[in-house]
Amino acid sequence: MTGGDFMKLVLGTSITIDKDYTEEGEKFRSRVVDIGKDCVMIDYPTHLETGKTAFFIDGTQLLVSFVDELKMAYVFKTEVMGRLNRGIPMLQVSYPGDTELIKIQRREFVRVDSPLDVAVDKDGVIHQLVAEDISAGGMAVNLARSNFEEDDIVKLTIVLPYANNSIKYIRVNARIIRIWEKDGRRVASLQFDQIDPESRQQVIRLCFERQLKKRNE
């Protein structure tokens, strides 16, 4: 199939599953074994590190990512609907359809506009600033009158407010890779340095929520 007839999620597609709304950032692997109306059936997921089979109860919220036959990466939010056995045990999960998938670029979410409070620590001096966008790989920050230069190494404490009104704080080192003028303001592009998997997952979750909200507006 080509063009608009190409289906992104097909039988045999390998998927990666993240436990959504959790601190652990655990990941699991599975495979699509059947496709139904507004749902897909997958093998029982196994933990990426331990290989142990996971048993998710009905209603569990998950985040699924996969790469299609055109080597494009996508992610979607899903919910466990139940279990089936058609010769092999399967997990039934909801599927929003190809048109609702969020495309991932270079294994990271595209940058999303999102004003966020961020504390920037440079040489022990804390600057309370506001970020104007964020991705899983970095963010852009309004510098105000703060004295920063390109290639500065800083420590960030970022406030991440989620759709369910919960708030997470992540801490990550970053490098200022570019400073430029925008509408009379100094803005810096920061690249995260060795962000830990749990913090990265929290940023991905925020990006996903903001993209979903924008799409539904």
N, C-alpha and C. Protein backbone atom coordinates (compact mmCIF):
# COMPACT_ATOMS: atom_id res chain seq x y z
N MET A 1 0.84 -1.20 0.00
CA MET A 1 0.00 0.00 0.00
C MET A 1 0.87 1.24 0.00
N THR A 2 0.39 2.31 -0.62
CA THR A 2 1.15 3.54 -0.69
C THR A 2 0.26 4.71 -0.36
N GLY A 3 0.93 5.89 -0.16
CA GLY A 3 0.17 7.12 0.06
C GLY A 3 -0.72 7.02 1.27
N GLY A 4 -1.99 7.50 1.11
CA GLY A 4 -2.91 7.54 2.22
C GLY A 4 -3.39 6.16 2.64
N ASP A 5 -3.16 5.11 1.77
CA ASP A 5 -3.60 3.77 2.11
C ASP A 5 -2.61 3.05 3.01
N PHE A 6 -1.43 3.62 3.22
CA PHE A 6 -0.40 2.94 4.01
C PHE A 6 -0.79 2.94 5.49
N MET A 7 -0.85 1.76 6.06
CA MET A 7 -1.18 1.63 7.47
C MET A 7 0.11 1.55 8.28
N LYS A 8 0.22 2.37 9.29
CA LYS A 8 1.48 2.47 10.02
C LYS A 8 1.68 1.32 10.99
N LEU A 9 0.61 0.89 11.66
CA LEU A 9 0.72 -0.19 12.62
C LEU A 9 0.15 -1.46 12.00
N VAL A 10 0.99 -2.47 11.79
CA VAL A 10 0.57 -3.68 11.09
C VAL A 10 0.92 -4.91 11.93
N LEU A 11 0.39 -6.05 11.52
CA LEU A 11 0.70 -7.31 12.20
C LEU A 11 2.20 -7.55 12.21
N GLY A 12 2.70 -7.98 13.35
CA GLY A 12 4.12 -8.28 13.47
C GLY A 12 4.97 -7.10 13.89
N THR A 13 4.37 -5.90 13.98
CA THR A 13 5.14 -4.72 14.39
C THR A 13 5.66 -4.88 15.81
N SER A 14 6.96 -4.67 16.00
CA SER A 14 7.54 -4.68 17.34
C SER A 14 7.26 -3.34 18.00
N ILE A 15 6.87 -3.37 19.26
CA ILE A 15 6.54 -2.14 19.97
C ILE A 15 7.31 -2.07 21.29
N THR A 16 7.54 -0.85 21.74
CA THR A 16 8.13 -0.60 23.06
C THR A 16 7.07 0.06 23.92
N ILE A 17 6.92 -0.41 25.14
CA ILE A 17 5.86 0.07 26.03
C ILE A 17 6.49 0.73 27.24
N ASP A 18 6.02 1.94 27.54
CA ASP A 18 6.43 2.65 28.75
C ASP A 18 5.25 2.69 29.70
N LYS A 19 5.51 2.43 30.97
CA LYS A 19 4.45 2.60 31.96
C LYS A 19 4.23 4.09 32.15
N ASP A 20 3.04 4.54 31.81
CA ASP A 20 2.74 5.97 31.86
C ASP A 20 2.37 6.38 33.29
N TYR A 21 2.68 7.65 33.62
CA TYR A 21 2.35 8.23 34.92
C TYR A 21 2.99 7.46 36.08
N THR A 22 4.20 7.00 35.89
CA THR A 22 4.91 6.34 36.97
C THR A 22 6.29 6.94 37.11
N GLU A 23 6.92 6.70 38.26
CA GLU A 23 8.26 7.20 38.50
C GLU A 23 9.32 6.28 37.92
N GLU A 24 9.00 4.98 37.77
CA GLU A 24 10.04 4.01 37.46
C GLU A 24 10.60 4.15 36.05
N GLY A 25 9.79 4.59 35.11
CA GLY A 25 10.24 4.67 33.73
C GLY A 25 10.56 3.31 33.15
N GLU A 26 9.86 2.26 33.61
CA GLU A 26 10.13 0.91 33.11
C GLU A 26 9.68 0.77 31.66
N LYS A 27 10.43 -0.05 30.93
CA LYS A 27 10.12 -0.27 29.52
C LYS A 27 9.93 -1.77 29.26
N PHE A 28 9.02 -2.05 28.33
CA PHE A 28 8.70 -3.43 27.99
C PHE A 28 8.65 -3.56 26.47
N ARG A 29 8.86 -4.78 25.99
CA ARG A 29 8.76 -5.03 24.55
C ARG A 29 7.60 -5.98 24.28
N SER A 30 7.01 -5.83 23.11
CA SER A 30 5.93 -6.72 22.71
C SER A 30 5.82 -6.68 21.19
N ARG A 31 4.75 -7.30 20.66
CA ARG A 31 4.56 -7.40 19.21
C ARG A 31 3.07 -7.45 18.91
N VAL A 32 2.67 -6.77 17.84
CA VAL A 32 1.26 -6.77 17.44
C VAL A 32 0.93 -8.12 16.79
N VAL A 33 -0.09 -8.81 17.34
CA VAL A 33 -0.45 -10.13 16.81
C VAL A 33 -1.84 -10.14 16.17
N ASP A 34 -2.63 -9.09 16.40
CA ASP A 34 -3.94 -9.01 15.76
C ASP A 34 -4.41 -7.56 15.85
N ILE A 35 -5.27 -7.18 14.93
CA ILE A 35 -5.80 -5.81 14.89
C ILE A 35 -7.31 -5.87 14.81
N GLY A 36 -7.98 -5.15 15.72
CA GLY A 36 -9.44 -5.10 15.72
C GLY A 36 -9.92 -3.67 15.53
N LYS A 37 -11.18 -3.45 15.82
CA LYS A 37 -11.77 -2.12 15.69
C LYS A 37 -11.40 -1.30 16.92
N ASP A 38 -10.66 -0.23 16.72
CA ASP A 38 -10.23 0.67 17.79
C ASP A 38 -9.36 -0.02 18.84
N CYS A 39 -8.74 -1.14 18.47
CA CYS A 39 -7.88 -1.83 19.42
C CYS A 39 -6.88 -2.70 18.66
N VAL A 40 -5.83 -3.10 19.36
CA VAL A 40 -4.88 -4.07 18.82
C VAL A 40 -4.62 -5.11 19.90
N MET A 41 -4.25 -6.30 19.47
CA MET A 41 -3.87 -7.36 20.38
C MET A 41 -2.36 -7.55 20.30
N ILE A 42 -1.73 -7.66 21.45
CA ILE A 42 -0.28 -7.78 21.50
C ILE A 42 0.11 -8.98 22.36
N ASP A 43 1.32 -9.50 22.11
CA ASP A 43 1.86 -10.52 23.01
C ASP A 43 1.95 -9.95 24.42
N TYR A 44 1.94 -10.84 25.41
CA TYR A 44 2.17 -10.37 26.77
C TYR A 44 3.54 -9.68 26.81
N PRO A 45 3.59 -8.43 27.26
CA PRO A 45 4.86 -7.68 27.26
C PRO A 45 5.89 -8.31 28.20
N THR A 46 7.16 -8.17 27.83
CA THR A 46 8.25 -8.62 28.69
C THR A 46 9.15 -7.43 29.01
N HIS A 47 9.68 -7.42 30.22
CA HIS A 47 10.53 -6.32 30.68
C HIS A 47 11.82 -6.30 29.87
N LEU A 48 12.22 -5.10 29.41
CA LEU A 48 13.40 -4.99 28.56
C LEU A 48 14.66 -5.47 29.25
N GLU A 49 14.77 -5.25 30.56
CA GLU A 49 16.00 -5.58 31.27
C GLU A 49 15.97 -6.99 31.86
N THR A 50 14.85 -7.37 32.47
CA THR A 50 14.80 -8.66 33.17
C THR A 50 14.24 -9.78 32.31
N GLY A 51 13.47 -9.43 31.26
CA GLY A 51 12.85 -10.45 30.43
C GLY A 51 11.61 -11.06 31.05
N LYS A 52 11.21 -10.58 32.23
CA LYS A 52 10.05 -11.13 32.91
C LYS A 52 8.76 -10.63 32.26
N THR A 53 7.76 -11.51 32.23
CA THR A 53 6.46 -11.15 31.65
C THR A 53 5.73 -10.17 32.57
N ALA A 54 5.14 -9.15 31.96
CA ALA A 54 4.40 -8.14 32.72
C ALA A 54 2.91 -8.45 32.67
N PHE A 55 2.23 -8.24 33.77
CA PHE A 55 0.78 -8.44 33.83
C PHE A 55 0.13 -7.12 34.23
N PHE A 56 -0.45 -6.44 33.24
CA PHE A 56 -1.09 -5.15 33.48
C PHE A 56 -2.59 -5.36 33.69
N ILE A 57 -3.15 -4.73 34.70
CA ILE A 57 -4.58 -4.86 34.97
C ILE A 57 -5.36 -3.98 34.00
N ASP A 58 -6.63 -4.30 33.81
CA ASP A 58 -7.48 -3.50 32.93
C ASP A 58 -7.49 -2.04 33.39
N GLY A 59 -7.42 -1.13 32.43
CA GLY A 59 -7.43 0.29 32.74
C GLY A 59 -6.05 0.90 32.90
N THR A 60 -5.00 0.06 32.89
CA THR A 60 -3.64 0.59 33.02
C THR A 60 -3.31 1.49 31.83
N GLN A 61 -2.80 2.69 32.11
CA GLN A 61 -2.42 3.63 31.06
C GLN A 61 -0.98 3.35 30.63
N LEU A 62 -0.76 3.26 29.33
CA LEU A 62 0.56 2.96 28.79
C LEU A 62 0.89 3.90 27.64
N LEU A 63 2.18 4.00 27.35
CA LEU A 63 2.66 4.78 26.22
C LEU A 63 3.39 3.81 25.29
N VAL A 64 2.95 3.72 24.04
CA VAL A 64 3.50 2.76 23.09
C VAL A 64 4.24 3.49 21.97
N SER A 65 5.45 3.04 21.65
CA SER A 65 6.19 3.60 20.53
C SER A 65 6.59 2.47 19.59
N PHE A 66 6.72 2.80 18.30
CA PHE A 66 7.09 1.79 17.31
C PHE A 66 7.66 2.47 16.08
N VAL A 67 8.30 1.68 15.23
CA VAL A 67 8.84 2.16 13.96
C VAL A 67 8.10 1.43 12.84
N ASP A 68 7.55 2.19 11.88
CA ASP A 68 6.77 1.56 10.81
C ASP A 68 7.67 1.08 9.68
N GLU A 69 7.05 0.57 8.61
CA GLU A 69 7.81 -0.01 7.50
C GLU A 69 8.60 1.03 6.72
N LEU A 70 8.27 2.31 6.92
CA LEU A 70 9.02 3.39 6.26
C LEU A 70 10.10 3.97 7.18
N LYS A 71 10.34 3.27 8.30
CA LYS A 71 11.37 3.66 9.27
C LYS A 71 11.04 4.96 9.99
N MET A 72 9.75 5.31 10.06
CA MET A 72 9.31 6.47 10.82
C MET A 72 8.87 6.01 12.21
N ALA A 73 9.23 6.78 13.23
CA ALA A 73 8.90 6.41 14.61
C ALA A 73 7.66 7.17 15.08
N TYR A 74 6.80 6.47 15.81
CA TYR A 74 5.55 7.07 16.30
C TYR A 74 5.31 6.64 17.74
N VAL A 75 4.42 7.39 18.40
CA VAL A 75 4.02 7.05 19.76
C VAL A 75 2.53 7.31 19.91
N PHE A 76 1.88 6.53 20.76
CA PHE A 76 0.48 6.80 21.08
C PHE A 76 0.19 6.35 22.50
N LYS A 77 -0.81 6.97 23.08
CA LYS A 77 -1.25 6.63 24.43
C LYS A 77 -2.32 5.55 24.32
N THR A 78 -2.27 4.58 25.22
CA THR A 78 -3.21 3.47 25.15
C THR A 78 -3.65 3.05 26.54
N GLU A 79 -4.63 2.16 26.57
CA GLU A 79 -5.16 1.65 27.83
C GLU A 79 -5.44 0.16 27.68
N VAL A 80 -5.10 -0.60 28.70
CA VAL A 80 -5.35 -2.04 28.67
C VAL A 80 -6.85 -2.29 28.76
N MET A 81 -7.37 -3.08 27.80
CA MET A 81 -8.81 -3.35 27.73
C MET A 81 -9.17 -4.75 28.23
N GLY A 82 -8.21 -5.66 28.20
CA GLY A 82 -8.51 -7.01 28.65
C GLY A 82 -7.52 -8.02 28.10
N ARG A 83 -7.82 -9.31 28.34
CA ARG A 83 -6.96 -10.39 27.88
C ARG A 83 -7.76 -11.35 27.02
N LEU A 84 -7.10 -11.93 26.02
CA LEU A 84 -7.72 -12.89 25.13
C LEU A 84 -6.79 -14.08 24.97
N ASN A 85 -7.36 -15.20 24.52
CA ASN A 85 -6.53 -16.37 24.22
C ASN A 85 -7.06 -17.02 22.95
N ARG A 86 -6.32 -16.81 21.87
CA ARG A 86 -6.67 -17.40 20.58
C ARG A 86 -5.53 -18.30 20.13
N GLY A 87 -5.27 -19.29 20.96
CA GLY A 87 -4.12 -20.15 20.71
C GLY A 87 -2.89 -19.67 21.44
N ILE A 88 -2.77 -18.35 21.57
CA ILE A 88 -1.70 -17.74 22.36
C ILE A 88 -2.32 -16.67 23.25
N PRO A 89 -1.79 -16.47 24.45
CA PRO A 89 -2.33 -15.42 25.32
C PRO A 89 -2.00 -14.04 24.75
N MET A 90 -2.99 -13.15 24.74
CA MET A 90 -2.81 -11.82 24.17
C MET A 90 -3.38 -10.77 25.12
N LEU A 91 -2.82 -9.57 25.01
CA LEU A 91 -3.32 -8.42 25.74
C LEU A 91 -4.02 -7.50 24.75
N GLN A 92 -5.24 -7.09 25.07
CA GLN A 92 -5.98 -6.19 24.20
C GLN A 92 -5.83 -4.77 24.70
N VAL A 93 -5.35 -3.87 23.82
CA VAL A 93 -5.15 -2.47 24.20
C VAL A 93 -5.85 -1.57 23.18
N SER A 94 -6.23 -0.40 23.62
CA SER A 94 -6.91 0.54 22.72
C SER A 94 -5.93 1.11 21.70
N TYR A 95 -6.45 1.46 20.52
CA TYR A 95 -5.62 2.07 19.48
C TYR A 95 -6.39 3.24 18.87
N PRO A 96 -5.84 4.46 18.94
CA PRO A 96 -6.57 5.65 18.49
C PRO A 96 -6.66 5.79 16.98
N GLY A 97 -5.88 4.99 16.24
CA GLY A 97 -5.87 5.11 14.78
C GLY A 97 -4.65 5.84 14.28
N ASP A 98 -4.28 5.59 13.04
CA ASP A 98 -3.07 6.17 12.47
C ASP A 98 -3.07 7.70 12.51
N THR A 99 -4.24 8.32 12.33
CA THR A 99 -4.29 9.78 12.25
C THR A 99 -4.00 10.44 13.59
N GLU A 100 -4.07 9.69 14.69
CA GLU A 100 -3.84 10.26 16.01
C GLU A 100 -2.44 9.98 16.54
N LEU A 101 -1.59 9.37 15.72
CA LEU A 101 -0.23 9.07 16.16
C LEU A 101 0.60 10.34 16.22
N ILE A 102 1.54 10.37 17.16
CA ILE A 102 2.48 11.47 17.27
C ILE A 102 3.82 11.00 16.71
N LYS A 103 4.35 11.75 15.74
CA LYS A 103 5.61 11.36 15.12
C LYS A 103 6.79 11.77 16.01
N ILE A 104 7.76 10.88 16.11
CA ILE A 104 8.97 11.14 16.89
C ILE A 104 10.11 11.41 15.92
N GLN A 105 10.92 12.39 16.22
CA GLN A 105 12.08 12.69 15.39
C GLN A 105 13.35 12.30 16.13
N ARG A 106 14.17 11.46 15.49
CA ARG A 106 15.45 11.04 16.06
C ARG A 106 15.28 10.50 17.47
N ARG A 107 14.25 9.70 17.67
CA ARG A 107 13.98 9.05 18.94
C ARG A 107 13.60 10.04 20.03
N GLU A 108 13.36 11.29 19.65
CA GLU A 108 12.92 12.29 20.62
C GLU A 108 11.68 12.98 20.08
N PHE A 109 10.89 13.55 20.97
CA PHE A 109 9.73 14.29 20.53
C PHE A 109 10.17 15.60 19.90
N VAL A 110 9.38 16.06 18.95
CA VAL A 110 9.65 17.38 18.39
C VAL A 110 9.53 18.41 19.50
N ARG A 111 10.18 19.52 19.30
CA ARG A 111 10.15 20.59 20.30
C ARG A 111 8.74 21.19 20.37
N VAL A 112 8.22 21.36 21.57
CA VAL A 112 6.88 21.91 21.74
C VAL A 112 6.96 23.23 22.50
N ASP A 113 6.15 24.20 22.06
CA ASP A 113 6.06 25.47 22.77
C ASP A 113 5.39 25.25 24.11
N SER A 114 6.06 25.64 25.18
CA SER A 114 5.50 25.41 26.50
C SER A 114 6.26 26.25 27.52
N PRO A 115 5.68 27.37 27.99
CA PRO A 115 6.36 28.17 29.01
C PRO A 115 6.49 27.38 30.31
N LEU A 116 7.72 27.26 30.80
CA LEU A 116 7.99 26.47 32.00
C LEU A 116 8.94 27.23 32.91
N ASP A 117 8.70 27.13 34.20
CA ASP A 117 9.64 27.71 35.16
C ASP A 117 10.88 26.83 35.25
N VAL A 118 12.05 27.47 35.24
CA VAL A 118 13.29 26.71 35.32
C VAL A 118 14.31 27.51 36.14
N ALA A 119 14.96 26.83 37.07
CA ALA A 119 16.04 27.44 37.85
C ALA A 119 17.36 27.02 37.21
N VAL A 120 18.18 28.02 36.86
CA VAL A 120 19.45 27.76 36.18
C VAL A 120 20.59 28.10 37.13
N ASP A 121 21.38 27.09 37.46
CA ASP A 121 22.50 27.25 38.39
C ASP A 121 23.78 27.37 37.58
N LYS A 122 24.39 28.58 37.64
CA LYS A 122 25.68 28.80 36.99
C LYS A 122 26.69 29.19 38.06
N ASP A 123 27.65 28.31 38.27
CA ASP A 123 28.72 28.56 39.25
C ASP A 123 28.16 28.87 40.63
N GLY A 124 27.08 28.18 41.01
CA GLY A 124 26.51 28.35 42.34
C GLY A 124 25.53 29.48 42.48
N VAL A 125 25.33 30.26 41.42
CA VAL A 125 24.36 31.36 41.44
C VAL A 125 23.09 30.90 40.73
N ILE A 126 21.95 31.00 41.41
CA ILE A 126 20.68 30.51 40.87
C ILE A 126 19.94 31.63 40.16
N HIS A 127 19.53 31.39 38.93
CA HIS A 127 18.75 32.35 38.15
C HIS A 127 17.37 31.74 37.90
N GLN A 128 16.31 32.43 38.32
CA GLN A 128 14.95 31.96 38.10
C GLN A 128 14.48 32.49 36.74
N LEU A 129 14.34 31.60 35.77
CA LEU A 129 14.02 32.00 34.40
C LEU A 129 12.79 31.25 33.90
N VAL A 130 12.39 31.56 32.66
CA VAL A 130 11.24 30.91 32.04
C VAL A 130 11.66 30.33 30.69
N ALA A 131 11.39 29.05 30.52
CA ALA A 131 11.65 28.40 29.23
C ALA A 131 10.45 28.63 28.32
N GLU A 132 10.71 28.72 27.02
CA GLU A 132 9.59 28.93 26.09
C GLU A 132 9.29 27.69 25.26
N ASP A 133 10.21 26.74 25.21
CA ASP A 133 9.90 25.46 24.57
C ASP A 133 10.82 24.39 25.13
N ILE A 134 10.46 23.13 24.86
CA ILE A 134 11.22 22.01 25.41
C ILE A 134 11.08 20.80 24.50
N SER A 135 12.09 19.96 24.50
CA SER A 135 12.03 18.66 23.83
C SER A 135 12.76 17.68 24.73
N ALA A 136 12.81 16.42 24.32
CA ALA A 136 13.51 15.42 25.13
C ALA A 136 15.02 15.64 25.10
N GLY A 137 15.49 16.52 24.20
CA GLY A 137 16.92 16.74 24.10
C GLY A 137 17.41 18.08 24.60
N GLY A 138 16.47 19.01 24.88
CA GLY A 138 16.90 20.33 25.34
C GLY A 138 15.74 21.30 25.43
N MET A 139 16.07 22.58 25.61
CA MET A 139 15.03 23.60 25.75
C MET A 139 15.59 24.97 25.39
N ALA A 140 14.68 25.91 25.14
CA ALA A 140 15.04 27.31 24.90
C ALA A 140 14.59 28.12 26.10
N VAL A 141 15.47 28.98 26.60
CA VAL A 141 15.20 29.73 27.83
C VAL A 141 15.38 31.22 27.59
N ASN A 142 14.43 32.02 28.08
CA ASN A 142 14.57 33.47 28.05
C ASN A 142 15.58 33.88 29.12
N LEU A 143 16.63 34.56 28.71
CA LEU A 143 17.72 34.86 29.64
C LEU A 143 17.49 36.11 30.47
N ALA A 144 16.52 36.94 30.08
CA ALA A 144 16.30 38.21 30.78
C ALA A 144 17.63 38.98 30.81
N ARG A 145 18.06 39.41 31.98
CA ARG A 145 19.33 40.15 32.08
C ARG A 145 20.46 39.28 32.61
N SER A 146 20.21 37.99 32.68
CA SER A 146 21.22 37.08 33.22
C SER A 146 22.45 37.04 32.31
N ASN A 147 23.60 36.89 32.94
CA ASN A 147 24.87 36.92 32.22
C ASN A 147 25.31 35.51 31.86
N PHE A 148 24.91 35.06 30.67
CA PHE A 148 25.31 33.74 30.19
C PHE A 148 26.04 33.88 28.87
N GLU A 149 26.86 32.87 28.57
CA GLU A 149 27.58 32.84 27.31
C GLU A 149 27.46 31.46 26.69
N GLU A 150 27.66 31.41 25.37
CA GLU A 150 27.64 30.12 24.69
C GLU A 150 28.74 29.22 25.25
N ASP A 151 28.42 27.93 25.34
CA ASP A 151 29.30 26.88 25.88
C ASP A 151 29.34 26.85 27.40
N ASP A 152 28.57 27.72 28.07
CA ASP A 152 28.45 27.62 29.52
C ASP A 152 27.82 26.29 29.89
N ILE A 153 28.32 25.66 30.96
CA ILE A 153 27.72 24.45 31.51
C ILE A 153 26.91 24.86 32.73
N VAL A 154 25.64 24.48 32.77
CA VAL A 154 24.75 24.90 33.85
C VAL A 154 23.99 23.69 34.39
N LYS A 155 23.40 23.88 35.56
CA LYS A 155 22.54 22.86 36.17
C LYS A 155 21.11 23.39 36.19
N LEU A 156 20.18 22.59 35.69
CA LEU A 156 18.79 23.01 35.57
C LEU A 156 17.89 22.27 36.56
N THR A 157 16.95 22.99 37.12
CA THR A 157 15.83 22.39 37.84
C THR A 157 14.57 22.85 37.11
N ILE A 158 13.88 21.91 36.46
CA ILE A 158 12.77 22.24 35.58
C ILE A 158 11.46 21.79 36.22
N VAL A 159 10.46 22.67 36.18
CA VAL A 159 9.14 22.35 36.71
C VAL A 159 8.27 21.84 35.55
N LEU A 160 7.73 20.63 35.71
CA LEU A 160 6.91 20.02 34.66
C LEU A 160 5.48 19.84 35.17
N PRO A 161 4.54 20.69 34.74
CA PRO A 161 3.14 20.55 35.15
C PRO A 161 2.36 19.69 34.15
N TYR A 162 1.67 18.68 34.65
CA TYR A 162 0.98 17.74 33.77
C TYR A 162 -0.52 17.99 33.73
N ALA A 163 -1.17 17.34 32.77
CA ALA A 163 -2.59 17.55 32.54
C ALA A 163 -3.45 17.11 33.72
N ASN A 164 -2.95 16.15 34.52
CA ASN A 164 -3.73 15.67 35.66
C ASN A 164 -3.46 16.50 36.92
N ASN A 165 -2.83 17.69 36.72
CA ASN A 165 -2.53 18.65 37.79
C ASN A 165 -1.39 18.22 38.71
N SER A 166 -0.70 17.12 38.38
CA SER A 166 0.49 16.76 39.15
C SER A 166 1.67 17.57 38.63
N ILE A 167 2.69 17.72 39.46
CA ILE A 167 3.88 18.49 39.10
C ILE A 167 5.12 17.66 39.43
N LYS A 168 6.05 17.61 38.49
CA LYS A 168 7.32 16.92 38.71
C LYS A 168 8.46 17.93 38.57
N TYR A 169 9.53 17.66 39.31
CA TYR A 169 10.74 18.48 39.22
C TYR A 169 11.87 17.58 38.75
N ILE A 170 12.53 17.98 37.67
CA ILE A 170 13.67 17.20 37.22
C ILE A 170 14.92 18.07 37.25
N ARG A 171 16.05 17.43 37.47
CA ARG A 171 17.34 18.12 37.51
C ARG A 171 18.26 17.50 36.47
N VAL A 172 18.87 18.36 35.67
CA VAL A 172 19.72 17.87 34.60
C VAL A 172 20.79 18.91 34.28
N ASN A 173 21.98 18.45 33.94
CA ASN A 173 23.02 19.34 33.47
C ASN A 173 22.78 19.68 32.01
N ALA A 174 23.21 20.85 31.59
CA ALA A 174 22.99 21.26 30.20
C ALA A 174 24.12 22.18 29.76
N ARG A 175 24.24 22.30 28.44
CA ARG A 175 25.23 23.21 27.85
C ARG A 175 24.51 24.22 26.97
N ILE A 176 24.89 25.47 27.07
CA ILE A 176 24.31 26.51 26.22
C ILE A 176 24.99 26.43 24.86
N ILE A 177 24.23 26.07 23.84
CA ILE A 177 24.83 25.87 22.52
C ILE A 177 24.64 27.07 21.60
N ARG A 178 23.70 27.96 21.97
CA ARG A 178 23.47 29.13 21.11
C ARG A 178 22.71 30.19 21.89
N ILE A 179 23.07 31.46 21.67
CA ILE A 179 22.35 32.60 22.24
C ILE A 179 22.02 33.55 21.11
N TRP A 180 20.76 34.00 21.06
CA TRP A 180 20.36 34.91 19.99
C TRP A 180 19.28 35.86 20.50
N GLU A 181 18.99 36.87 19.67
CA GLU A 181 17.97 37.87 20.00
C GLU A 181 16.64 37.48 19.37
N LYS A 182 15.56 37.61 20.14
CA LYS A 182 14.22 37.32 19.64
C LYS A 182 13.25 38.32 20.23
N ASP A 183 12.67 39.15 19.37
CA ASP A 183 11.71 40.17 19.82
C ASP A 183 12.28 41.03 20.94
N GLY A 184 13.56 41.38 20.80
CA GLY A 184 14.20 42.23 21.79
C GLY A 184 14.65 41.51 23.04
N ARG A 185 14.53 40.18 23.06
CA ARG A 185 14.93 39.39 24.22
C ARG A 185 16.10 38.48 23.86
N ARG A 186 16.94 38.18 24.86
CA ARG A 186 18.01 37.21 24.67
C ARG A 186 17.49 35.82 25.01
N VAL A 187 17.66 34.91 24.07
CA VAL A 187 17.18 33.54 24.25
C VAL A 187 18.35 32.58 24.07
N ALA A 188 18.39 31.56 24.90
CA ALA A 188 19.46 30.57 24.82
C ALA A 188 18.89 29.19 24.52
N SER A 189 19.55 28.48 23.61
CA SER A 189 19.24 27.07 23.36
C SER A 189 20.15 26.23 24.23
N LEU A 190 19.55 25.36 25.03
CA LEU A 190 20.31 24.50 25.93
C LEU A 190 20.16 23.05 25.51
N GLN A 191 21.25 22.32 25.53
CA GLN A 191 21.24 20.90 25.21
C GLN A 191 21.46 20.11 26.49
N PHE A 192 20.51 19.19 26.78
CA PHE A 192 20.65 18.37 27.99
C PHE A 192 21.88 17.47 27.86
N ASP A 193 22.55 17.27 28.99
CA ASP A 193 23.75 16.43 29.02
C ASP A 193 23.50 15.22 29.90
N GLN A 194 23.46 14.04 29.29
CA GLN A 194 23.31 12.79 30.02
C GLN A 194 22.09 12.80 30.94
N ILE A 195 20.94 13.15 30.37
CA ILE A 195 19.70 13.14 31.15
C ILE A 195 19.36 11.69 31.52
N ASP A 196 19.00 11.46 32.77
CA ASP A 196 18.73 10.10 33.20
C ASP A 196 17.40 9.62 32.61
N PRO A 197 17.23 8.31 32.45
CA PRO A 197 16.03 7.78 31.78
C PRO A 197 14.72 8.23 32.41
N GLU A 198 14.67 8.30 33.74
CA GLU A 198 13.43 8.70 34.41
C GLU A 198 13.07 10.14 34.08
N SER A 199 14.06 11.04 34.13
CA SER A 199 13.80 12.45 33.82
C SER A 199 13.42 12.61 32.35
N ARG A 200 14.10 11.88 31.48
CA ARG A 200 13.79 11.95 30.06
C ARG A 200 12.35 11.50 29.81
N GLN A 201 11.93 10.46 30.52
CA GLN A 201 10.57 9.97 30.36
C GLN A 201 9.55 11.01 30.82
N GLN A 202 9.88 11.75 31.87
CA GLN A 202 8.97 12.79 32.35
C GLN A 202 8.83 13.90 31.31
N VAL A 203 9.95 14.26 30.66
CA VAL A 203 9.90 15.29 29.62
C VAL A 203 9.09 14.79 28.43
N ILE A 204 9.31 13.53 28.04
CA ILE A 204 8.57 12.95 26.92
C ILE A 204 7.07 12.97 27.20
N ARG A 205 6.71 12.64 28.44
CA ARG A 205 5.30 12.65 28.81
C ARG A 205 4.71 14.05 28.65
N LEU A 206 5.44 15.08 29.11
CA LEU A 206 4.95 16.45 28.97
C LEU A 206 4.80 16.83 27.50
N CYS A 207 5.81 16.49 26.69
CA CYS A 207 5.75 16.81 25.26
C CYS A 207 4.55 16.14 24.61
N PHE A 208 4.33 14.89 24.96
CA PHE A 208 3.20 14.15 24.40
C PHE A 208 1.88 14.82 24.77
N GLU A 209 1.73 15.20 26.04
CA GLU A 209 0.49 15.83 26.49
C GLU A 209 0.25 17.16 25.77
N ARG A 210 1.32 17.96 25.61
CA ARG A 210 1.16 19.26 24.97
C ARG A 210 0.83 19.11 23.49
N GLN A 211 1.44 18.13 22.82
CA GLN A 211 1.13 17.90 21.42
C GLN A 211 -0.31 17.41 21.25
N LEU A 212 -0.73 16.54 22.16
CA LEU A 212 -2.09 16.02 22.10
C LEU A 212 -3.10 17.14 22.34
N LYS A 213 -2.81 18.01 23.30
CA LYS A 213 -3.69 19.14 23.60
C LYS A 213 -3.80 20.07 22.40
N LYS A 214 -2.66 20.36 21.77
CA LYS A 214 -2.65 21.25 20.61
C LYS A 214 -3.44 20.65 19.46
N ARG A 215 -3.30 19.33 19.28
CA ARG A 215 -4.01 18.66 18.19
C ARG A 215 -5.52 18.70 18.41
N ASN A 216 -5.95 18.65 19.68
CA ASN A 216 -7.38 18.60 19.99
C ASN A 216 -8.02 19.98 20.06
N GLU A 217 -7.22 21.04 20.01
CA GLU A 217 -7.78 22.40 20.10
C GLU A 217 -8.50 22.78 18.81
